[in-house]
Structures are given as structure tokens and as C-alpha cells.
Amino acid sequence: DSWGDGGCGISYFVIECRMFGRAHWNMIASHVASTERTFTVSDLIPATKYQVKITAYNNAGSTTAVYDFTTLTAQGCKKFLYNFQPSLNYSLNFFTSISFPI
């Protein structure tokens, strides 16, 4: 399990996403079961930098992680971005969606 639960099991996850640099987070899923091991965010724009925010909730409270990623171009190529180091270490082989372990 990649989320520390502080001795209390995780009850559920909340998934939010936004284009990088935008202030507003879009709610993707408000109650993902703690038994889910992967989650997919769809309908993303090719060659675009995003952030996904995952919040885990349990009886002790919540913890949040934010990950940066860039979708591939429509041709399946990586877009070169200066000074950008993605913090999401999972496969980025997708066009308009991302799947990641939670």
C-alpha cells in the first residue's frame, strides 16, 4: 500500500485534476473506494501539462498528494518542456487519459 494510514485504514479517496497553472480544481471522483488500486482520468487534451490531486481519508483525517504530468501529443510523442520534471513516475503512454495506482 503506497499510502500511510497512521494505523487507521483508508476509507476512500477523492480525485481532482486541473491544467497546470490554473487555480480551480475539477472534481473527478468524490468517493473512490479504498479497495481500488488504479484510477483513470479521461478526456484530457494532448500535449498539455496537468496536475492530479489525490486525497486519502480515514478516521484520523486526510492526507493529500499532488502529481504533475504531461499528456503525449496526438502523434504519441513527448512534448519537451523546459525546467519540467514530472513527479509522476508511472508510464505516460497515453493520449487523452492517465491511469495511476492509488
Protein backbone atom coordinates (compact mmCIF):
# COMPACT_ATOMS: atom_id res chain seq x y z
CA ASP A 1 0.00 0.00 0.00
CA SER A 2 1.57 3.29 -1.06
CA TRP A 3 -0.45 5.48 1.35
CA GLY A 4 0.50 5.58 5.02
CA ASP A 5 -2.67 5.24 7.05
CA GLY A 6 -1.33 6.11 10.52
CA GLY A 7 -2.85 2.95 11.96
CA CYS A 8 -6.36 3.70 10.64
CA GLY A 9 -7.42 2.08 7.39
CA ILE A 10 -8.15 4.39 4.46
CA SER A 11 -11.90 4.89 3.98
CA TYR A 12 -11.90 6.45 0.49
CA PHE A 13 -10.06 8.69 -1.98
CA VAL A 14 -11.02 11.97 -3.67
CA ILE A 15 -9.51 12.62 -7.13
CA GLU A 16 -9.22 16.14 -8.60
CA CYS A 17 -7.46 17.38 -11.73
CA ARG A 18 -6.56 20.71 -13.35
CA MET A 19 -4.44 22.13 -16.16
CA PHE A 20 -1.11 23.22 -14.75
CA GLY A 21 -1.16 26.84 -13.57
CA ARG A 22 -4.94 27.05 -13.19
CA ALA A 23 -6.42 27.89 -9.81
CA HIS A 24 -9.59 25.77 -9.98
CA TRP A 25 -9.52 22.01 -9.35
CA ASN A 26 -12.08 19.88 -11.24
CA MET A 27 -13.68 17.11 -9.18
CA ILE A 28 -13.14 13.82 -10.99
CA ALA A 29 -14.35 11.41 -8.31
CA SER A 30 -15.56 12.28 -4.82
CA HIS A 31 -15.64 8.83 -3.25
CA VAL A 32 -13.26 6.20 -4.70
CA ALA A 33 -13.30 3.02 -2.62
CA SER A 34 -10.14 2.25 -0.68
CA THR A 35 -10.07 -1.18 -2.36
CA GLU A 36 -9.44 0.40 -5.78
CA ARG A 37 -5.83 0.01 -6.91
CA THR A 38 -5.89 2.06 -10.14
CA PHE A 39 -7.87 5.04 -11.35
CA THR A 40 -8.16 6.58 -14.83
CA VAL A 41 -8.70 10.26 -15.63
CA SER A 42 -10.09 10.59 -19.18
CA ASP A 43 -10.84 13.34 -21.70
CA LEU A 44 -7.51 15.11 -21.33
CA ILE A 45 -6.04 17.36 -24.04
CA PRO A 46 -2.94 16.07 -25.88
CA ALA A 47 0.42 17.80 -25.23
CA THR A 48 -0.91 19.54 -22.13
CA LYS A 49 0.60 19.84 -18.65
CA TYR A 50 -1.74 18.81 -15.80
CA GLN A 51 -1.83 18.21 -12.08
CA VAL A 52 -3.80 15.49 -10.34
CA LYS A 53 -4.61 15.80 -6.62
CA ILE A 54 -5.40 12.67 -4.62
CA THR A 55 -6.73 12.97 -1.08
CA ALA A 56 -6.99 9.89 1.14
CA TYR A 57 -9.48 9.99 4.02
CA ASN A 58 -9.70 7.87 7.17
CA ASN A 59 -10.96 8.23 10.75
CA ALA A 60 -7.83 10.21 11.71
CA GLY A 61 -8.28 12.84 8.96
CA SER A 62 -6.85 13.18 5.46
CA THR A 63 -3.61 13.44 3.52
CA THR A 64 -3.12 14.89 0.05
CA ALA A 65 -0.60 14.30 -2.75
CA VAL A 66 -0.28 16.35 -5.96
CA TYR A 67 1.37 14.93 -9.09
CA ASP A 68 2.43 16.81 -12.26
CA PHE A 69 2.26 15.13 -15.67
CA THR A 70 2.09 15.99 -19.36
CA THR A 71 -0.02 14.13 -21.90
CA LEU A 72 1.58 12.96 -25.15
CA THR A 73 0.99 14.75 -28.43
CA ALA A 74 -1.70 13.42 -30.78
CA GLN A 75 1.16 11.66 -32.64
CA GLY A 76 2.22 9.88 -29.44
CA CYS A 77 5.36 11.92 -28.83
CA LYS A 78 6.55 13.54 -25.64
CA LYS A 79 6.34 17.32 -25.62
CA PHE A 80 9.61 18.90 -24.49
CA LEU A 81 9.10 21.32 -21.61
CA TYR A 82 11.93 23.39 -20.20
CA ASN A 83 12.59 23.02 -16.46
CA PHE A 84 9.84 20.44 -16.01
CA GLN A 85 10.49 17.29 -14.07
CA PRO A 86 7.33 15.17 -13.77
CA SER A 87 6.77 13.87 -10.27
CA LEU A 88 4.52 11.09 -11.54
CA ASN A 89 6.80 8.11 -12.12
CA TYR A 90 4.28 5.86 -13.80
CA SER A 91 4.03 5.13 -17.52
CA LEU A 92 2.97 8.15 -19.57
CA ASN A 93 1.97 6.11 -22.64
CA PHE A 94 -1.44 7.65 -23.18
CA PHE A 95 -3.04 10.28 -25.34
CA THR A 96 -6.04 11.72 -23.52
CA SER A 97 -6.16 9.83 -20.24
CA ILE A 98 -3.91 8.79 -17.38
CA SER A 99 -4.11 5.73 -15.16
CA PHE A 100 -2.22 5.51 -11.91
CA PRO A 101 -2.09 3.35 -8.80
CA ILE A 102 -3.74 4.81 -5.70
